[in-house]
PDB file of all heavy atoms in Angstrom:
ATOM      1  N   VAL A   1       0.829  -1.211   0.000  1.00  0.00           N
ATOM      2  CA  VAL A   1       0.000   0.000   0.000  1.00  0.00           C
ATOM      3  C   VAL A   1       0.865   1.265   0.000  1.00  0.00           C
ATOM      4  O   VAL A   1       0.382   2.347  -0.355  1.00  0.00           O
ATOM      5  CB  VAL A   1      -0.955   0.029   1.211  1.00  0.00           C
ATOM      6  CG1 VAL A   1      -1.892  -1.154   1.189  1.00  0.00           C
ATOM      7  CG2 VAL A   1      -0.185   0.058   2.519  1.00  0.00           C
ATOM      8  N   ASP A   2       2.133   1.130   0.384  1.00  0.00           N
ATOM      9  CA  ASP A   2       3.034   2.283   0.416  1.00  0.00           C
ATOM     10  C   ASP A   2       3.737   2.526  -0.915  1.00  0.00           C
ATOM     11  O   ASP A   2       4.386   3.556  -1.094  1.00  0.00           O
ATOM     12  CB  ASP A   2       4.105   2.097   1.501  1.00  0.00           C
ATOM     13  CG  ASP A   2       3.506   1.959   2.893  1.00  0.00           C
ATOM     14  OD1 ASP A   2       2.660   2.796   3.243  1.00  0.00           O
ATOM     15  OD2 ASP A   2       3.877   1.011   3.607  1.00  0.00           O
ATOM     16  N   ILE A   3       3.616   1.587  -1.838  1.00  0.00           N
ATOM     17  CA  ILE A   3       4.361   1.679  -3.091  1.00  0.00           C
ATOM     18  C   ILE A   3       4.024   2.936  -3.901  1.00  0.00           C
ATOM     19  O   ILE A   3       4.936   3.594  -4.423  1.00  0.00           O
ATOM     20  CB  ILE A   3       4.170   0.395  -3.927  1.00  0.00           C
ATOM     21  CG1 ILE A   3       4.945  -0.753  -3.263  1.00  0.00           C
ATOM     22  CG2 ILE A   3       4.637   0.591  -5.365  1.00  0.00           C
ATOM     23  CD1 ILE A   3       4.810  -2.084  -3.976  1.00  0.00           C
ATOM     24  N   PRO A   4       2.745   3.315  -4.063  1.00  0.00           N
ATOM     25  CA  PRO A   4       2.463   4.533  -4.842  1.00  0.00           C
ATOM     26  C   PRO A   4       3.181   5.770  -4.305  1.00  0.00           C
ATOM     27  O   PRO A   4       3.696   6.581  -5.080  1.00  0.00           O
ATOM     28  CB  PRO A   4       0.942   4.679  -4.736  1.00  0.00           C
ATOM     29  CG  PRO A   4       0.454   3.284  -4.516  1.00  0.00           C
ATOM     30  CD  PRO A   4       1.498   2.639  -3.654  1.00  0.00           C
ATOM     31  N   GLN A   5       3.240   5.909  -2.983  1.00  0.00           N
ATOM     32  CA  GLN A   5       3.903   7.073  -2.392  1.00  0.00           C
ATOM     33  C   GLN A   5       5.409   7.005  -2.605  1.00  0.00           C
ATOM     34  O   GLN A   5       6.064   8.021  -2.878  1.00  0.00           O
ATOM     35  CB  GLN A   5       3.586   7.135  -0.897  1.00  0.00           C
ATOM     36  CG  GLN A   5       3.661   8.514  -0.291  1.00  0.00           C
ATOM     37  CD  GLN A   5       2.577   9.457  -0.771  1.00  0.00           C
ATOM     38  OE1 GLN A   5       1.426   9.060  -0.911  1.00  0.00           O
ATOM     39  NE2 GLN A   5       2.939  10.693  -1.053  1.00  0.00           N
ATOM     40  N   ILE A   6       5.986   5.809  -2.468  1.00  0.00           N
ATOM     41  CA  ILE A   6       7.429   5.647  -2.678  1.00  0.00           C
ATOM     42  C   ILE A   6       7.774   5.895  -4.137  1.00  0.00           C
ATOM     43  O   ILE A   6       8.783   6.546  -4.460  1.00  0.00           O
ATOM     44  CB  ILE A   6       7.882   4.239  -2.242  1.00  0.00           C
ATOM     45  CG1 ILE A   6       7.623   4.044  -0.747  1.00  0.00           C
ATOM     46  CG2 ILE A   6       9.356   4.018  -2.546  1.00  0.00           C
ATOM     47  CD1 ILE A   6       7.878   2.627  -0.242  1.00  0.00           C
ATOM     48  N   THR A   7       6.934   5.400  -5.041  1.00  0.00           N
ATOM     49  CA  THR A   7       7.150   5.633  -6.467  1.00  0.00           C
ATOM     50  C   THR A   7       7.090   7.127  -6.788  1.00  0.00           C
ATOM     51  O   THR A   7       7.896   7.643  -7.571  1.00  0.00           O
ATOM     52  CB  THR A   7       6.095   4.875  -7.301  1.00  0.00           C
ATOM     53  OG1 THR A   7       6.215   3.473  -7.038  1.00  0.00           O
ATOM     54  CG2 THR A   7       6.293   5.118  -8.787  1.00  0.00           C
ATOM     55  N   ALA A   8       6.150   7.821  -6.170  1.00  0.00           N
ATOM     56  CA  ALA A   8       6.035   9.270  -6.379  1.00  0.00           C
ATOM     57  C   ALA A   8       7.292   9.989  -5.905  1.00  0.00           C
ATOM     58  O   ALA A   8       7.743  10.966  -6.521  1.00  0.00           O
ATOM     59  CB  ALA A   8       4.812   9.806  -5.646  1.00  0.00           C
ATOM     60  N   ALA A   9       7.889   9.506  -4.824  1.00  0.00           N
ATOM     61  CA  ALA A   9       9.122  10.115  -4.312  1.00  0.00           C
ATOM     62  C   ALA A   9      10.272   9.913  -5.292  1.00  0.00           C
ATOM     63  O   ALA A   9      11.051  10.838  -5.558  1.00  0.00           O
ATOM     64  CB  ALA A   9       9.471   9.519  -2.952  1.00  0.00           C
ATOM     65  N   VAL A  10      10.379   8.698  -5.838  1.00  0.00           N
ATOM     66  CA  VAL A  10      11.419   8.441  -6.845  1.00  0.00           C
ATOM     67  C   VAL A  10      11.233   9.367  -8.042  1.00  0.00           C
ATOM     68  O   VAL A  10      12.182  10.009  -8.518  1.00  0.00           O
ATOM     69  CB  VAL A  10      11.379   6.969  -7.309  1.00  0.00           C
ATOM     70  CG1 VAL A  10      12.333   6.757  -8.486  1.00  0.00           C
ATOM     71  CG2 VAL A  10      11.756   6.032  -6.174  1.00  0.00           C
ATOM     72  N   ASP A  11      10.004   9.449  -8.531  1.00  0.00           N
ATOM     73  CA  ASP A  11       9.720  10.281  -9.715  1.00  0.00           C
ATOM     74  C   ASP A  11      10.037  11.751  -9.456  1.00  0.00           C
ATOM     75  O   ASP A  11      10.535  12.455 -10.344  1.00  0.00           O
ATOM     76  CB  ASP A  11       8.256  10.118 -10.132  1.00  0.00           C
ATOM     77  CG  ASP A  11       7.954   8.725 -10.670  1.00  0.00           C
ATOM     78  OD1 ASP A  11       8.917   8.022 -11.033  1.00  0.00           O
ATOM     79  OD2 ASP A  11       6.773   8.351 -10.715  1.00  0.00           O
ATOM     80  N   ALA A  12       9.744  12.221  -8.241  1.00  0.00           N
ATOM     81  CA  ALA A  12      10.004  13.627  -7.920  1.00  0.00           C
ATOM     82  C   ALA A  12      11.497  13.929  -7.953  1.00  0.00           C
ATOM     83  O   ALA A  12      11.934  14.958  -8.487  1.00  0.00           O
ATOM     84  CB  ALA A  12       9.425  13.955  -6.543  1.00  0.00           C
ATOM     85  N   VAL A  13      12.311  13.021  -7.387  1.00  0.00           N
ATOM     86  CA  VAL A  13      13.765  13.228  -7.386  1.00  0.00           C
ATOM     87  C   VAL A  13      14.303  13.152  -8.805  1.00  0.00           C
ATOM     88  O   VAL A  13      15.108  13.994  -9.229  1.00  0.00           O
ATOM     89  CB  VAL A  13      14.454  12.187  -6.480  1.00  0.00           C
ATOM     90  CG1 VAL A  13      15.974  12.322  -6.591  1.00  0.00           C
ATOM     91  CG2 VAL A  13      14.024  12.372  -5.035  1.00  0.00           C
ATOM     92  N   VAL A  14      13.876  12.140  -9.545  1.00  0.00           N
ATOM     93  CA  VAL A  14      14.361  11.962 -10.918  1.00  0.00           C
ATOM     94  C   VAL A  14      14.003  13.161 -11.783  1.00  0.00           C
ATOM     95  O   VAL A  14      14.814  13.654 -12.573  1.00  0.00           O
ATOM     96  CB  VAL A  14      13.783  10.660 -11.522  1.00  0.00           C
ATOM     97  CG1 VAL A  14      14.060  10.594 -13.026  1.00  0.00           C
ATOM     98  CG2 VAL A  14      14.381   9.445 -10.819  1.00  0.00           C
ATOM     99  N   PHE A  15      12.783  13.655 -11.622  1.00  0.00           N
ATOM    100  CA  PHE A  15      12.344  14.818 -12.405  1.00  0.00           C
ATOM    101  C   PHE A  15      13.241  16.026 -12.158  1.00  0.00           C
ATOM    102  O   PHE A  15      13.605  16.749 -13.079  1.00  0.00           O
ATOM    103  CB  PHE A  15      10.890  15.155 -12.050  1.00  0.00           C
ATOM    104  CG  PHE A  15      10.382  16.408 -12.720  1.00  0.00           C
ATOM    105  CD1 PHE A  15       9.952  16.386 -14.035  1.00  0.00           C
ATOM    106  CD2 PHE A  15      10.337  17.616 -12.023  1.00  0.00           C
ATOM    107  CE1 PHE A  15       9.495  17.551 -14.654  1.00  0.00           C
ATOM    108  CE2 PHE A  15       9.888  18.775 -12.632  1.00  0.00           C
ATOM    109  CZ  PHE A  15       9.457  18.748 -13.947  1.00  0.00           C
ATOM    110  N   ASN A  16      13.618  16.236 -10.904  1.00  0.00           N
ATOM    111  CA  ASN A  16      14.421  17.409 -10.551  1.00  0.00           C
ATOM    112  C   ASN A  16      15.892  17.276 -10.924  1.00  0.00           C
ATOM    113  O   ASN A  16      16.576  18.287 -11.083  1.00  0.00           O
ATOM    114  CB  ASN A  16      14.304  17.678  -9.050  1.00  0.00           C
ATOM    115  CG  ASN A  16      13.036  18.415  -8.679  1.00  0.00           C
ATOM    116  OD1 ASN A  16      12.974  19.637  -8.710  1.00  0.00           O
ATOM    117  ND2 ASN A  16      11.995  17.667  -8.342  1.00  0.00           N
ATOM    118  N   LEU A  17      16.383  16.038 -11.070  1.00  0.00           N
ATOM    119  CA  LEU A  17      17.820  15.846 -11.310  1.00  0.00           C
ATOM    120  C   LEU A  17      18.171  15.443 -12.741  1.00  0.00           C
ATOM    121  O   LEU A  17      19.310  15.620 -13.158  1.00  0.00           O
ATOM    122  CB  LEU A  17      18.376  14.799 -10.343  1.00  0.00           C
ATOM    123  CG  LEU A  17      18.377  15.159  -8.856  1.00  0.00           C
ATOM    124  CD1 LEU A  17      18.972  14.023  -8.038  1.00  0.00           C
ATOM    125  CD2 LEU A  17      19.143  16.456  -8.602  1.00  0.00           C
ATOM    126  N   SER A  18      17.211  14.883 -13.473  1.00  0.00           N
ATOM    127  CA  SER A  18      17.521  14.357 -14.806  1.00  0.00           C
ATOM    128  C   SER A  18      18.083  15.416 -15.746  1.00  0.00           C
ATOM    129  O   SER A  18      18.964  15.137 -16.561  1.00  0.00           O
ATOM    130  CB  SER A  18      16.263  13.736 -15.429  1.00  0.00           C
ATOM    131  OG  SER A  18      15.896  12.572 -14.735  1.00  0.00           O
ATOM    132  N   ALA A  19      17.571  16.632 -15.643  1.00  0.00           N
ATOM    133  CA  ALA A  19      18.011  17.701 -16.552  1.00  0.00           C
ATOM    134  C   ALA A  19      19.147  18.530 -15.975  1.00  0.00           C
ATOM    135  O   ALA A  19      19.491  19.578 -16.529  1.00  0.00           O
ATOM    136  CB  ALA A  19      16.829  18.599 -16.895  1.00  0.00           C
ATOM    137  N   ARG A  20      19.757  18.059 -14.875  1.00  0.00           N
ATOM    138  CA  ARG A  20      20.814  18.833 -14.246  1.00  0.00           C
ATOM    139  C   ARG A  20      22.088  17.997 -14.043  1.00  0.00           C
ATOM    140  O   ARG A  20      22.487  17.687 -12.912  1.00  0.00           O
ATOM    141  CB  ARG A  20      20.327  19.384 -12.903  1.00  0.00           C
ATOM    142  CG  ARG A  20      19.193  20.401 -13.010  1.00  0.00           C
ATOM    143  CD  ARG A  20      19.570  21.609 -13.861  1.00  0.00           C
ATOM    144  NE  ARG A  20      20.744  22.292 -13.376  1.00  0.00           N
ATOM    145  CZ  ARG A  20      20.714  23.366 -12.591  1.00  0.00           C
ATOM    146  NH1 ARG A  20      19.544  23.857 -12.200  1.00  0.00           N
ATOM    147  NH2 ARG A  20      21.834  23.950 -12.208  1.00  0.00           N
ATOM    148  N   PRO A  21      22.745  17.608 -15.140  1.00  0.00           N
ATOM    149  CA  PRO A  21      23.996  16.845 -15.002  1.00  0.00           C
ATOM    150  C   PRO A  21      25.103  17.640 -14.333  1.00  0.00           C
ATOM    151  O   PRO A  21      26.099  17.072 -13.909  1.00  0.00           O
ATOM    152  CB  PRO A  21      24.354  16.508 -16.459  1.00  0.00           C
ATOM    153  CG  PRO A  21      23.673  17.563 -17.276  1.00  0.00           C
ATOM    154  CD  PRO A  21      22.396  17.860 -16.550  1.00  0.00           C
ATOM    155  N   ASP A  22      24.911  18.959 -14.220  1.00  0.00           N
ATOM    156  CA  ASP A  22      25.922  19.775 -13.545  1.00  0.00           C
ATOM    157  C   ASP A  22      25.906  19.568 -12.028  1.00  0.00           C
ATOM    158  O   ASP A  22      26.912  19.826 -11.344  1.00  0.00           O
ATOM    159  CB  ASP A  22      25.702  21.260 -13.858  1.00  0.00           C
ATOM    160  CG  ASP A  22      24.287  21.712 -13.508  1.00  0.00           C
ATOM    161  OD1 ASP A  22      23.341  20.944 -13.770  1.00  0.00           O
ATOM    162  OD2 ASP A  22      24.139  22.838 -12.988  1.00  0.00           O
ATOM    163  N   VAL A  23      24.781  19.090 -11.480  1.00  0.00           N
ATOM    164  CA  VAL A  23      24.702  18.889 -10.030  1.00  0.00           C
ATOM    165  C   VAL A  23      24.508  17.423  -9.641  1.00  0.00           C
ATOM    166  O   VAL A  23      24.641  17.076  -8.466  1.00  0.00           O
ATOM    167  CB  VAL A  23      23.570  19.730  -9.404  1.00  0.00           C
ATOM    168  CG1 VAL A  23      23.804  21.214  -9.621  1.00  0.00           C
ATOM    169  CG2 VAL A  23      22.205  19.313  -9.935  1.00  0.00           C
ATOM    170  N   ALA A  24      24.164  16.576 -10.612  1.00  0.00           N
ATOM    171  CA  ALA A  24      23.965  15.161 -10.306  1.00  0.00           C
ATOM    172  C   ALA A  24      24.440  14.316 -11.476  1.00  0.00           C
ATOM    173  O   ALA A  24      24.050  14.552 -12.621  1.00  0.00           O
ATOM    174  CB  ALA A  24      22.496  14.875 -10.015  1.00  0.00           C
ATOM    175  N   ASP A  25      25.273  13.349 -11.185  1.00  0.00           N
ATOM    176  CA  ASP A  25      25.738  12.430 -12.213  1.00  0.00           C
ATOM    177  C   ASP A  25      24.540  11.700 -12.827  1.00  0.00           C
ATOM    178  O   ASP A  25      23.555  11.406 -12.136  1.00  0.00           O
ATOM    179  CB  ASP A  25      26.705  11.422 -11.584  1.00  0.00           C
ATOM    180  CG  ASP A  25      27.353  10.530 -12.612  1.00  0.00           C
ATOM    181  OD1 ASP A  25      28.370  10.947 -13.188  1.00  0.00           O
ATOM    182  OD2 ASP A  25      26.830   9.423 -12.849  1.00  0.00           O
ATOM    183  N   SER A  26      24.620  11.404 -14.110  1.00  0.00           N
ATOM    184  CA  SER A  26      23.493  10.753 -14.791  1.00  0.00           C
ATOM    185  C   SER A  26      23.169   9.388 -14.203  1.00  0.00           C
ATOM    186  O   SER A  26      22.062   8.871 -14.375  1.00  0.00           O
ATOM    187  CB  SER A  26      23.804  10.613 -16.285  1.00  0.00           C
ATOM    188  OG  SER A  26      24.984   9.830 -16.482  1.00  0.00           O
ATOM    189  N   ASP A  27      24.142   8.802 -13.490  1.00  0.00           N
ATOM    190  CA  ASP A  27      23.910   7.496 -12.880  1.00  0.00           C
ATOM    191  C   ASP A  27      22.919   7.581 -11.717  1.00  0.00           C
ATOM    192  O   ASP A  27      22.323   6.569 -11.337  1.00  0.00           O
ATOM    193  CB  ASP A  27      25.243   6.923 -12.379  1.00  0.00           C
ATOM    194  CG  ASP A  27      25.202   5.416 -12.206  1.00  0.00           C
ATOM    195  OD1 ASP A  27      24.441   4.768 -12.940  1.00  0.00           O
ATOM    196  OD2 ASP A  27      25.916   4.896 -11.329  1.00  0.00           O
ATOM    197  N   VAL A  28      22.736   8.773 -11.149  1.00  0.00           N
ATOM    198  CA  VAL A  28      21.826   8.917 -10.008  1.00  0.00           C
ATOM    199  C   VAL A  28      20.380   8.667 -10.434  1.00  0.00           C
ATOM    200  O   VAL A  28      19.722   7.752  -9.910  1.00  0.00           O
ATOM    201  CB  VAL A  28      21.991  10.294  -9.329  1.00  0.00           C
ATOM    202  CG1 VAL A  28      20.909  10.485  -8.265  1.00  0.00           C
ATOM    203  CG2 VAL A  28      23.366  10.425  -8.710  1.00  0.00           C
ATOM    204  N   PRO A  29      19.811   9.444 -11.387  1.00  0.00           N
ATOM    205  CA  PRO A  29      18.431   9.146 -11.791  1.00  0.00           C
ATOM    206  C   PRO A  29      18.292   7.776 -12.441  1.00  0.00           C
ATOM    207  O   PRO A  29      17.271   7.102 -12.249  1.00  0.00           O
ATOM    208  CB  PRO A  29      18.094  10.279 -12.782  1.00  0.00           C
ATOM    209  CG  PRO A  29      19.403  10.838 -13.211  1.00  0.00           C
ATOM    210  CD  PRO A  29      20.328  10.662 -12.072  1.00  0.00           C
ATOM    211  N   ARG A  30      19.323   7.349 -13.190  1.00  0.00           N
ATOM    212  CA  ARG A  30      19.248   6.034 -13.834  1.00  0.00           C
ATOM    213  C   ARG A  30      19.156   4.915 -12.790  1.00  0.00           C
ATOM    214  O   ARG A  30      18.375   3.972 -12.945  1.00  0.00           O
ATOM    215  CB  ARG A  30      20.478   5.834 -14.726  1.00  0.00           C
ATOM    216  CG  ARG A  30      20.455   4.529 -15.497  1.00  0.00           C
ATOM    217  CD  ARG A  30      21.476   4.495 -16.618  1.00  0.00           C
ATOM    218  NE  ARG A  30      22.822   4.725 -16.129  1.00  0.00           N
ATOM    219  CZ  ARG A  30      23.560   5.789 -16.462  1.00  0.00           C
ATOM    220  NH1 ARG A  30      23.058   6.709 -17.269  1.00  0.00           N
ATOM    221  NH2 ARG A  30      24.785   5.924 -15.996  1.00  0.00           N
ATOM    222  N   THR A  31      19.931   5.023 -11.731  1.00  0.00           N
ATOM    223  CA  THR A  31      19.909   4.005 -10.680  1.00  0.00           C
ATOM    224  C   THR A  31      18.577   4.009  -9.932  1.00  0.00           C
ATOM    225  O   THR A  31      18.027   2.946  -9.613  1.00  0.00           O
ATOM    226  CB  THR A  31      21.063   4.249  -9.684  1.00  0.00           C
ATOM    227  OG1 THR A  31      22.310   4.176 -10.383  1.00  0.00           O
ATOM    228  CG2 THR A  31      21.043   3.212  -8.574  1.00  0.00           C
ATOM    229  N   LEU A  32      18.040   5.196  -9.662  1.00  0.00           N
ATOM    230  CA  LEU A  32      16.747   5.279  -8.976  1.00  0.00           C
ATOM    231  C   LEU A  32      15.625   4.665  -9.816  1.00  0.00           C
ATOM    232  O   LEU A  32      14.745   3.973  -9.284  1.00  0.00           O
ATOM    233  CB  LEU A  32      16.423   6.738  -8.643  1.00  0.00           C
ATOM    234  CG  LEU A  32      17.304   7.393  -7.571  1.00  0.00           C
ATOM    235  CD1 LEU A  32      16.957   8.871  -7.430  1.00  0.00           C
ATOM    236  CD2 LEU A  32      17.147   6.688  -6.227  1.00  0.00           C
ATOM    237  N   LEU A  33      15.675   4.899 -11.115  1.00  0.00           N
ATOM    238  CA  LEU A  33      14.654   4.313 -11.990  1.00  0.00           C
ATOM    239  C   LEU A  33      14.782   2.793 -12.045  1.00  0.00           C
ATOM    240  O   LEU A  33      13.776   2.072 -12.115  1.00  0.00           O
ATOM    241  CB  LEU A  33      14.763   4.912 -13.397  1.00  0.00           C
ATOM    242  CG  LEU A  33      14.333   6.375 -13.526  1.00  0.00           C
ATOM    243  CD1 LEU A  33      14.621   6.892 -14.929  1.00  0.00           C
ATOM    244  CD2 LEU A  33      12.849   6.534 -13.194  1.00  0.00           C
ATOM    245  N   ALA A  34      16.024   2.305 -12.017  1.00  0.00           N
ATOM    246  CA  ALA A  34      16.228   0.849 -12.000  1.00  0.00           C
ATOM    247  C   ALA A  34      15.675   0.244 -10.715  1.00  0.00           C
ATOM    248  O   ALA A  34      15.060  -0.837 -10.730  1.00  0.00           O
ATOM    249  CB  ALA A  34      17.715   0.533 -12.138  1.00  0.00           C
TER     250      ALA A  34
END
């Protein structure tokens, strides 16, 4: 029952970091999505 909220948290972080390789290595959002 907690999965939707946890998934939303992953998506929120990925959304904020995917377009910012200057502050986060591309492996960060890729690993979270995996």
